[in-house]
Amino acid sequence: MRSLHLDPALTDCVMVSHCHPDHYGDAEMLIEGMTKGGHRHSGKLVAPRSVLEGGGKFSQAISTYHQTLPQEVIRVAPGDRFQAAGMMVEATPAVHSDPDAVGFRFDTQAGTVSYVGDSEIDDRLFHAHEGARVLIINLTCTTRTRIPMHMYTETAADLISGIGPEAAVLTHFGVGVFEDGVDEQVRYIEKRTGVRTIAAEDLMTIEMGREIVPWPARSASGR
């Protein structure tokens, strides 16, 4: 955030998709920033039951103390809708090892941006993300290195083809994606789907106007 000149104190909402540490690890720090260390009750925390309460094999991921800091805490399940930063956001289904996991669909003035989250492919995903201009997919593995309950290159292509966004953004790469080549996965998906496919980079910004324009990673100086 510092490299992108984003002030954590101006955060409107912290959203957590599921109860795995690579997805909730910085949430409490962002809550501290959003609420100026708890000196003001502002902003929203949005997360599924597992993150807020724990349950089954999962322990509560965000402390009770940190849940008292935001102005509002919203527990979501697939299909729930809420307002955040002037946008309507919907929690979408996910099929993952955390049964409470969700994705998020953002209805912006420039169109819909959908974040699938960690999930294997499922018929419900096609409906939940229908009409998205930009579809963000966590490509954790390739077809060769597939992991249960995660998206791999072939299923990511199936989902992108079925939804037909203007652009697909691949992120959350696992070791297998780097071993088999990020660019190779992009080329495969673009060839199979006909959809412009973008491999996310650290500090990348994507502008969504009449056209969808990714800006390359910027240096820490902001140049």
C-alpha atoms as a PDB file:
ATOM      1  CA  MET A   1       0.000   0.000   0.000  1.00  0.00           C
ATOM      2  CA  ARG A   2       2.865   2.358   0.759  1.00  0.00           C
ATOM      3  CA  SER A   3       4.427   1.670  -2.650  1.00  0.00           C
ATOM      4  CA  LEU A   4       1.104   2.545  -4.301  1.00  0.00           C
ATOM      5  CA  HIS A   5       0.640   5.621  -2.089  1.00  0.00           C
ATOM      6  CA  LEU A   6      -2.524   4.170  -0.553  1.00  0.00           C
ATOM      7  CA  ASP A   7      -3.335   5.386   2.961  1.00  0.00           C
ATOM      8  CA  PRO A   8      -4.675   2.503   5.121  1.00  0.00           C
ATOM      9  CA  ALA A   9      -6.662   5.075   7.125  1.00  0.00           C
ATOM     10  CA  LEU A  10      -8.749   5.758   4.018  1.00  0.00           C
ATOM     11  CA  THR A  11      -9.845   2.118   3.754  1.00  0.00           C
ATOM     12  CA  ASP A  12     -13.629   1.767   3.506  1.00  0.00           C
ATOM     13  CA  CYS A  13     -13.996  -1.970   3.897  1.00  0.00           C
ATOM     14  CA  VAL A  14     -11.903  -5.048   4.671  1.00  0.00           C
ATOM     15  CA  MET A  15     -13.206  -8.215   3.003  1.00  0.00           C
ATOM     16  CA  VAL A  16     -11.906 -11.694   3.757  1.00  0.00           C
ATOM     17  CA  SER A  17     -12.884 -14.591   1.517  1.00  0.00           C
ATOM     18  CA  HIS A  18     -12.069 -17.555   3.771  1.00  0.00           C
ATOM     19  CA  CYS A  19     -10.223 -18.877   6.788  1.00  0.00           C
ATOM     20  CA  HIS A  20      -6.774 -19.671   5.389  1.00  0.00           C
ATOM     21  CA  PRO A  21      -3.790 -17.598   6.582  1.00  0.00           C
ATOM     22  CA  ASP A  22      -2.652 -16.558   3.102  1.00  0.00           C
ATOM     23  CA  HIS A  23      -6.043 -14.828   2.791  1.00  0.00           C
ATOM     24  CA  TYR A  24      -6.633 -13.392   6.264  1.00  0.00           C
ATOM     25  CA  GLY A  25      -3.044 -12.766   7.406  1.00  0.00           C
ATOM     26  CA  ASP A  26      -3.047  -8.941   7.124  1.00  0.00           C
ATOM     27  CA  ALA A  27      -6.716  -8.373   7.922  1.00  0.00           C
ATOM     28  CA  GLU A  28      -6.191  -7.278  11.524  1.00  0.00           C
ATOM     29  CA  MET A  29      -3.485  -4.807  10.491  1.00  0.00           C
ATOM     30  CA  LEU A  30      -5.777  -3.320   7.849  1.00  0.00           C
ATOM     31  CA  ILE A  31      -8.564  -3.041  10.430  1.00  0.00           C
ATOM     32  CA  GLU A  32      -6.144  -1.161  12.686  1.00  0.00           C
ATOM     33  CA  GLY A  33      -5.341   1.192   9.813  1.00  0.00           C
ATOM     34  CA  MET A  34      -8.972   1.663   8.794  1.00  0.00           C
ATOM     35  CA  THR A  35      -9.942   2.582  12.361  1.00  0.00           C
ATOM     36  CA  LYS A  36      -6.729   4.545  13.169  1.00  0.00           C
ATOM     37  CA  GLY A  37      -5.671   2.003  15.728  1.00  0.00           C
ATOM     38  CA  GLY A  38      -9.166   1.720  17.151  1.00  0.00           C
ATOM     39  CA  HIS A  39      -9.472   5.451  17.914  1.00  0.00           C
ATOM     40  CA  ARG A  40     -12.454   5.757  15.577  1.00  0.00           C
ATOM     41  CA  HIS A  41     -15.192   3.267  14.731  1.00  0.00           C
ATOM     42  CA  SER A  42     -15.257   3.421  10.962  1.00  0.00           C
ATOM     43  CA  GLY A  43     -15.463   1.168   7.962  1.00  0.00           C
ATOM     44  CA  LYS A  44     -16.761  -2.348   7.548  1.00  0.00           C
ATOM     45  CA  LEU A  45     -15.389  -5.829   8.064  1.00  0.00           C
ATOM     46  CA  VAL A  46     -16.955  -8.431   5.783  1.00  0.00           C
ATOM     47  CA  ALA A  47     -16.163 -12.127   6.119  1.00  0.00           C
ATOM     48  CA  PRO A  48     -17.800 -15.563   6.266  1.00  0.00           C
ATOM     49  CA  ARG A  49     -18.627 -17.395   9.506  1.00  0.00           C
ATOM     50  CA  SER A  50     -15.363 -19.360   9.658  1.00  0.00           C
ATOM     51  CA  VAL A  51     -13.283 -16.162   9.712  1.00  0.00           C
ATOM     52  CA  LEU A  52     -15.395 -14.356  12.298  1.00  0.00           C
ATOM     53  CA  GLU A  53     -16.426 -17.230  14.549  1.00  0.00           C
ATOM     54  CA  GLY A  54     -14.479 -20.329  13.607  1.00  0.00           C
ATOM     55  CA  GLY A  55     -16.223 -23.659  13.352  1.00  0.00           C
ATOM     56  CA  GLY A  56     -15.399 -27.248  12.538  1.00  0.00           C
ATOM     57  CA  LYS A  57     -11.638 -27.516  12.015  1.00  0.00           C
ATOM     58  CA  PHE A  58     -11.187 -23.748  11.761  1.00  0.00           C
ATOM     59  CA  SER A  59     -10.365 -21.370  14.599  1.00  0.00           C
ATOM     60  CA  GLN A  60     -11.587 -17.775  14.584  1.00  0.00           C
ATOM     61  CA  ALA A  61      -9.178 -15.852  12.327  1.00  0.00           C
ATOM     62  CA  ILE A  62      -9.887 -12.264  13.409  1.00  0.00           C
ATOM     63  CA  SER A  63      -9.808 -11.548  17.127  1.00  0.00           C
ATOM     64  CA  THR A  64     -12.881 -10.493  19.040  1.00  0.00           C
ATOM     65  CA  TYR A  65     -11.057  -7.269  19.863  1.00  0.00           C
ATOM     66  CA  HIS A  66     -10.471  -6.409  16.204  1.00  0.00           C
ATOM     67  CA  GLN A  67     -14.087  -7.190  15.416  1.00  0.00           C
ATOM     68  CA  THR A  68     -15.134  -4.455  17.864  1.00  0.00           C
ATOM     69  CA  LEU A  69     -13.171  -1.760  16.007  1.00  0.00           C
ATOM     70  CA  PRO A  70     -15.051  -1.283  12.693  1.00  0.00           C
ATOM     71  CA  GLN A  71     -18.355   0.535  12.554  1.00  0.00           C
ATOM     72  CA  GLU A  72     -20.002  -2.578  11.145  1.00  0.00           C
ATOM     73  CA  VAL A  73     -19.173  -6.275  10.918  1.00  0.00           C
ATOM     74  CA  ILE A  74     -21.073  -8.232   8.271  1.00  0.00           C
ATOM     75  CA  ARG A  75     -21.116 -12.032   8.225  1.00  0.00           C
ATOM     76  CA  VAL A  76     -21.722 -13.217   4.678  1.00  0.00           C
ATOM     77  CA  ALA A  77     -22.716 -16.379   2.897  1.00  0.00           C
ATOM     78  CA  PRO A  78     -23.200 -16.874  -0.851  1.00  0.00           C
ATOM     79  CA  GLY A  79     -25.978 -14.641  -2.187  1.00  0.00           C
ATOM     80  CA  ASP A  80     -25.713 -11.997   0.553  1.00  0.00           C
ATOM     81  CA  ARG A  81     -25.472  -8.411  -0.717  1.00  0.00           C
ATOM     82  CA  PHE A  82     -24.110  -5.323   0.995  1.00  0.00           C
ATOM     83  CA  GLN A  83     -22.920  -1.795   0.259  1.00  0.00           C
ATOM     84  CA  ALA A  84     -19.213  -0.946   0.355  1.00  0.00           C
ATOM     85  CA  ALA A  85     -17.533   2.245  -0.845  1.00  0.00           C
ATOM     86  CA  GLY A  86     -20.614   3.213  -2.827  1.00  0.00           C
ATOM     87  CA  MET A  87     -20.804  -0.140  -4.613  1.00  0.00           C
ATOM     88  CA  MET A  88     -23.185  -3.024  -4.308  1.00  0.00           C
ATOM     89  CA  VAL A  89     -21.194  -6.161  -3.502  1.00  0.00           C
ATOM     90  CA  GLU A  90     -22.440  -9.741  -3.489  1.00  0.00           C
ATOM     91  CA  ALA A  91     -20.815 -12.726  -1.802  1.00  0.00           C
ATOM     92  CA  THR A  92     -20.546 -15.551  -4.321  1.00  0.00           C
ATOM     93  CA  PRO A  93     -20.270 -19.325  -3.860  1.00  0.00           C
ATOM     94  CA  ALA A  94     -16.969 -21.164  -3.653  1.00  0.00           C
ATOM     95  CA  VAL A  95     -16.119 -24.847  -3.368  1.00  0.00           C
ATOM     96  CA  HIS A  96     -13.074 -25.048  -1.123  1.00  0.00           C
ATOM     97  CA  SER A  97     -11.688 -26.816   1.931  1.00  0.00           C
ATOM     98  CA  ASP A  98     -13.214 -24.036   4.020  1.00  0.00           C
ATOM     99  CA  PRO A  99     -16.910 -24.783   3.470  1.00  0.00           C
ATOM    100  CA  ASP A 100     -17.790 -21.165   4.344  1.00  0.00           C
ATOM    101  CA  ALA A 101     -15.481 -19.701   1.667  1.00  0.00           C
ATOM    102  CA  VAL A 102     -16.892 -17.071  -0.667  1.00  0.00           C
ATOM    103  CA  GLY A 103     -15.884 -14.927  -3.620  1.00  0.00           C
ATOM    104  CA  PHE A 104     -17.056 -11.371  -4.261  1.00  0.00           C
ATOM    105  CA  ARG A 105     -18.876  -9.653  -7.107  1.00  0.00           C
ATOM    106  CA  PHE A 106     -18.499  -5.853  -7.310  1.00  0.00           C
ATOM    107  CA  ASP A 107     -21.072  -3.854  -9.282  1.00  0.00           C
ATOM    108  CA  THR A 108     -19.262  -0.635 -10.183  1.00  0.00           C
ATOM    109  CA  GLN A 109     -20.318   2.291 -12.362  1.00  0.00           C
ATOM    110  CA  ALA A 110     -17.989   0.955 -15.045  1.00  0.00           C
ATOM    111  CA  GLY A 111     -19.420  -2.568 -14.900  1.00  0.00           C
ATOM    112  CA  THR A 112     -18.992  -5.714 -12.835  1.00  0.00           C
ATOM    113  CA  VAL A 113     -15.700  -6.994 -11.451  1.00  0.00           C
ATOM    114  CA  SER A 114     -15.864 -10.542 -10.094  1.00  0.00           C
ATOM    115  CA  TYR A 115     -13.341 -12.176  -7.785  1.00  0.00           C
ATOM    116  CA  VAL A 116     -13.828 -15.958  -7.783  1.00  0.00           C
ATOM    117  CA  GLY A 117     -11.631 -16.649  -4.747  1.00  0.00           C
ATOM    118  CA  ASP A 118     -10.161 -20.058  -3.955  1.00  0.00           C
ATOM    119  CA  SER A 119     -12.519 -22.618  -5.464  1.00  0.00           C
ATOM    120  CA  GLU A 120     -12.737 -25.572  -7.764  1.00  0.00           C
ATOM    121  CA  ILE A 121     -15.014 -25.196 -10.754  1.00  0.00           C
ATOM    122  CA  ASP A 122     -18.718 -25.568 -10.035  1.00  0.00           C
ATOM    123  CA  ASP A 123     -21.915 -24.878 -11.988  1.00  0.00           C
ATOM    124  CA  ARG A 124     -22.908 -22.187  -9.479  1.00  0.00           C
ATOM    125  CA  LEU A 125     -19.872 -20.098 -10.388  1.00  0.00           C
ATOM    126  CA  PHE A 126     -21.091 -19.547 -13.950  1.00  0.00           C
ATOM    127  CA  HIS A 127     -24.335 -17.979 -12.748  1.00  0.00           C
ATOM    128  CA  ALA A 128     -22.776 -16.046  -9.865  1.00  0.00           C
ATOM    129  CA  HIS A 129     -20.244 -14.272 -12.082  1.00  0.00           C
ATOM    130  CA  GLU A 130     -22.372 -13.918 -15.207  1.00  0.00           C
ATOM    131  CA  GLY A 131     -21.962 -10.565 -16.954  1.00  0.00           C
ATOM    132  CA  ALA A 132     -18.625  -9.656 -15.350  1.00  0.00           C
ATOM    133  CA  ARG A 133     -16.444  -7.345 -17.433  1.00  0.00           C
ATOM    134  CA  VAL A 134     -13.372  -8.408 -15.473  1.00  0.00           C
ATOM    135  CA  LEU A 135     -13.078 -11.890 -13.964  1.00  0.00           C
ATOM    136  CA  ILE A 136     -10.324 -12.425 -11.368  1.00  0.00           C
ATOM    137  CA  ILE A 137      -9.341 -16.069 -10.884  1.00  0.00           C
ATOM    138  CA  ASN A 138      -6.955 -17.588  -8.341  1.00  0.00           C
ATOM    139  CA  LEU A 139      -4.869 -19.876 -10.540  1.00  0.00           C
ATOM    140  CA  THR A 140      -3.162 -21.925  -7.851  1.00  0.00           C
ATOM    141  CA  CYS A 141      -1.998 -24.770 -10.062  1.00  0.00           C
ATOM    142  CA  THR A 142      -1.656 -26.016 -13.611  1.00  0.00           C
ATOM    143  CA  THR A 143      -3.392 -29.014 -15.113  1.00  0.00           C
ATOM    144  CA  ARG A 144      -0.237 -31.056 -14.380  1.00  0.00           C
ATOM    145  CA  THR A 145      -0.028 -29.939 -10.738  1.00  0.00           C
ATOM    146  CA  ARG A 146      -3.739 -29.825  -9.941  1.00  0.00           C
ATOM    147  CA  ILE A 147      -4.815 -29.624  -6.295  1.00  0.00           C
ATOM    148  CA  PRO A 148      -8.307 -30.580  -5.097  1.00  0.00           C
ATOM    149  CA  MET A 149     -10.680 -27.666  -4.440  1.00  0.00           C
ATOM    150  CA  HIS A 150      -8.529 -25.190  -6.385  1.00  0.00           C
ATOM    151  CA  MET A 151      -8.703 -23.850  -9.918  1.00  0.00           C
ATOM    152  CA  TYR A 152      -6.152 -25.143 -12.417  1.00  0.00           C
ATOM    153  CA  THR A 153      -5.430 -23.989 -15.967  1.00  0.00           C
ATOM    154  CA  GLU A 154      -7.975 -26.166 -17.749  1.00  0.00           C
ATOM    155  CA  THR A 155     -10.859 -25.440 -15.371  1.00  0.00           C
ATOM    156  CA  ALA A 156      -9.974 -21.728 -15.323  1.00  0.00           C
ATOM    157  CA  ALA A 157     -10.296 -21.759 -19.108  1.00  0.00           C
ATOM    158  CA  ASP A 158     -13.671 -23.534 -18.834  1.00  0.00           C
ATOM    159  CA  LEU A 159     -14.961 -20.896 -16.412  1.00  0.00           C
ATOM    160  CA  ILE A 160     -13.664 -17.977 -18.462  1.00  0.00           C
ATOM    161  CA  SER A 161     -15.132 -19.430 -21.653  1.00  0.00           C
ATOM    162  CA  GLY A 162     -18.524 -19.965 -20.002  1.00  0.00           C
ATOM    163  CA  ILE A 163     -18.717 -16.461 -18.533  1.00  0.00           C
ATOM    164  CA  GLY A 164     -17.133 -14.563 -21.413  1.00  0.00           C
ATOM    165  CA  PRO A 165     -15.681 -11.490 -19.667  1.00  0.00           C
ATOM    166  CA  GLU A 166     -13.873  -8.748 -21.553  1.00  0.00           C
ATOM    167  CA  ALA A 167     -10.730  -9.625 -19.607  1.00  0.00           C
ATOM    168  CA  ALA A 168      -9.633 -12.360 -17.229  1.00  0.00           C
ATOM    169  CA  VAL A 169      -7.003 -11.685 -14.573  1.00  0.00           C
ATOM    170  CA  LEU A 170      -4.996 -14.589 -13.178  1.00  0.00           C
ATOM    171  CA  THR A 171      -3.464 -14.272  -9.705  1.00  0.00           C
ATOM    172  CA  HIS A 172      -2.514 -16.279  -6.568  1.00  0.00           C
ATOM    173  CA  PHE A 173      -0.037 -18.443  -8.476  1.00  0.00           C
ATOM    174  CA  GLY A 174       1.222 -21.595  -6.819  1.00  0.00           C
ATOM    175  CA  VAL A 175       4.660 -23.138  -7.287  1.00  0.00           C
ATOM    176  CA  GLY A 176       3.422 -25.354 -10.125  1.00  0.00           C
ATOM    177  CA  VAL A 177       2.323 -22.330 -12.152  1.00  0.00           C
ATOM    178  CA  PHE A 178       5.809 -20.841 -11.933  1.00  0.00           C
ATOM    179  CA  GLU A 179       7.414 -24.204 -12.715  1.00  0.00           C
ATOM    180  CA  ASP A 180       5.262 -24.719 -15.814  1.00  0.00           C
ATOM    181  CA  GLY A 181       5.423 -21.040 -16.794  1.00  0.00           C
ATOM    182  CA  VAL A 182       2.941 -18.250 -16.114  1.00  0.00           C
ATOM    183  CA  ASP A 183       3.078 -17.038 -19.725  1.00  0.00           C
ATOM    184  CA  GLU A 184       2.335 -20.549 -20.993  1.00  0.00           C
ATOM    185  CA  GLN A 185      -0.850 -20.678 -18.892  1.00  0.00           C
ATOM    186  CA  VAL A 186      -1.916 -17.271 -20.217  1.00  0.00           C
ATOM    187  CA  ARG A 187      -1.343 -18.321 -23.825  1.00  0.00           C
ATOM    188  CA  TYR A 188      -3.251 -21.579 -23.340  1.00  0.00           C
ATOM    189  CA  ILE A 189      -6.257 -19.813 -21.805  1.00  0.00           C
ATOM    190  CA  GLU A 190      -6.336 -17.039 -24.406  1.00  0.00           C
ATOM    191  CA  LYS A 191      -6.122 -19.522 -27.280  1.00  0.00           C
ATOM    192  CA  ARG A 192      -8.834 -21.736 -25.832  1.00  0.00           C
ATOM    193  CA  THR A 193     -11.256 -19.002 -24.757  1.00  0.00           C
ATOM    194  CA  GLY A 194     -10.616 -16.043 -27.062  1.00  0.00           C
ATOM    195  CA  VAL A 195     -10.689 -13.828 -23.953  1.00  0.00           C
ATOM    196  CA  ARG A 196      -7.905 -11.378 -23.190  1.00  0.00           C
ATOM    197  CA  THR A 197      -6.011 -12.895 -20.252  1.00  0.00           C
ATOM    198  CA  ILE A 198      -3.734 -10.925 -17.935  1.00  0.00           C
ATOM    199  CA  ALA A 199      -1.223 -12.391 -15.482  1.00  0.00           C
ATOM    200  CA  ALA A 200      -1.263 -10.215 -12.374  1.00  0.00           C
ATOM    201  CA  GLU A 201       1.980  -8.719 -11.103  1.00  0.00           C
ATOM    202  CA  ASP A 202       2.818  -7.138  -7.773  1.00  0.00           C
ATOM    203  CA  LEU A 203       1.626  -3.498  -7.705  1.00  0.00           C
ATOM    204  CA  MET A 204      -0.273  -3.872 -10.982  1.00  0.00           C
ATOM    205  CA  THR A 205      -3.198  -1.498 -11.470  1.00  0.00           C
ATOM    206  CA  ILE A 206      -6.084  -2.193 -13.846  1.00  0.00           C
ATOM    207  CA  GLU A 207      -8.215   0.701 -15.054  1.00  0.00           C
ATOM    208  CA  MET A 208     -11.723  -0.159 -16.190  1.00  0.00           C
ATOM    209  CA  GLY A 209     -13.247   2.489 -18.452  1.00  0.00           C
ATOM    210  CA  ARG A 210     -14.366   2.129 -22.043  1.00  0.00           C
ATOM    211  CA  GLU A 211     -11.376  -0.159 -22.310  1.00  0.00           C
ATOM    212  CA  ILE A 212      -9.683  -2.337 -19.707  1.00  0.00           C
ATOM    213  CA  VAL A 213      -6.077  -1.212 -19.308  1.00  0.00           C
ATOM    214  CA  PRO A 214      -3.507  -2.916 -17.066  1.00  0.00           C
ATOM    215  CA  TRP A 215      -0.615  -0.758 -15.908  1.00  0.00           C
ATOM    216  CA  PRO A 216       2.651  -2.616 -15.294  1.00  0.00           C
ATOM    217  CA  ALA A 217       4.182  -2.922 -11.847  1.00  0.00           C
ATOM    218  CA  ARG A 218       5.601   0.315 -10.537  1.00  0.00           C
ATOM    219  CA  SER A 219       8.769   0.773  -8.551  1.00  0.00           C
ATOM    220  CA  ALA A 220       8.699   1.697  -4.878  1.00  0.00           C
ATOM    221  CA  SER A 221       9.378   5.305  -5.890  1.00  0.00           C
ATOM    222  CA  GLY A 222       6.037   5.318  -7.723  1.00  0.00           C
ATOM    223  CA  ARG A 223       7.572   5.966 -11.151  1.00  0.00           C
END
